[in-house]
Protein backbone atom coordinates (compact mmCIF):
# COMPACT_ATOMS: atom_id res chain seq x y z
CA MET A 1 2.41 33.48 29.50
CA ASP A 2 1.07 36.32 27.38
CA ASN A 3 -1.96 37.63 29.30
CA ARG A 4 -2.15 41.08 27.72
CA ILE A 5 -5.54 42.57 26.81
CA PRO A 6 -6.56 44.90 23.94
CA ALA A 7 -5.35 48.49 24.36
CA LEU A 8 -8.73 50.21 24.77
CA GLN A 9 -9.93 47.67 27.32
CA PHE A 10 -6.66 48.05 29.22
CA VAL A 11 -6.97 51.84 29.35
CA LEU A 12 -10.56 51.66 30.63
CA PHE A 13 -9.66 48.99 33.18
CA ALA A 14 -6.52 50.83 34.35
CA GLU A 15 -8.44 54.09 34.81
CA ALA A 16 -11.13 52.36 36.88
CA PHE A 17 -8.50 50.57 38.94
CA GLN A 18 -6.59 53.79 39.60
CA LYS A 19 -9.75 55.43 40.98
CA PHE A 20 -10.29 52.45 43.27
CA ALA A 21 -6.62 52.35 44.32
CA ALA A 22 -6.58 56.08 45.13
CA LEU A 23 -9.59 55.73 47.41
CA ALA A 24 -8.23 52.56 48.99
CA ARG A 25 -4.91 54.24 49.74
CA GLN A 26 -6.65 57.33 51.11
CA TYR A 27 -8.34 55.16 53.75
CA HIS A 28 -5.41 52.72 54.18
CA PHE A 29 -7.63 49.91 52.90
CA TYR A 30 -5.64 46.70 52.28
CA GLU A 31 -2.57 48.64 51.19
CA ASP A 32 -0.36 45.62 50.49
CA GLU A 33 -3.06 43.89 48.47
CA VAL A 34 -3.75 47.04 46.43
CA ALA A 35 -0.04 47.22 45.57
CA GLN A 36 -0.09 43.57 44.43
CA MET A 37 -3.21 44.20 42.35
CA GLU A 38 -1.54 47.21 40.75
CA LYS A 39 1.44 45.09 39.68
CA SER A 40 -0.93 42.49 38.25
CA VAL A 41 -2.87 45.11 36.29
CA TYR A 42 0.28 46.45 34.66
CA LYS A 43 1.45 42.95 33.75
CA MET A 44 -1.61 42.84 31.46
CA SER A 45 -0.52 45.97 29.61
CA PRO A 46 -0.61 45.65 25.83
CA TYR A 47 2.14 48.28 25.68
CA GLN A 48 4.82 45.86 26.89
CA ARG A 49 7.18 44.21 24.47
CA LYS A 50 6.49 40.49 24.04
CA GLU A 51 9.97 39.57 25.30
CA ASP A 52 9.23 41.47 28.55
CA VAL A 53 6.12 39.38 29.26
CA LYS A 54 6.77 36.32 31.43
């Protein structure tokens, strides 16, 4: 399934997520879940090749 989002929206979303993830990791807040969310965010990247998207 191709669930990528437009480039500008992805950059804004990824920056916001990284700020959240940094704070969450600093306080050991749901570390495993943050790692799963991070993988999910990067699956949406418009910078992937279409054949890499599953």
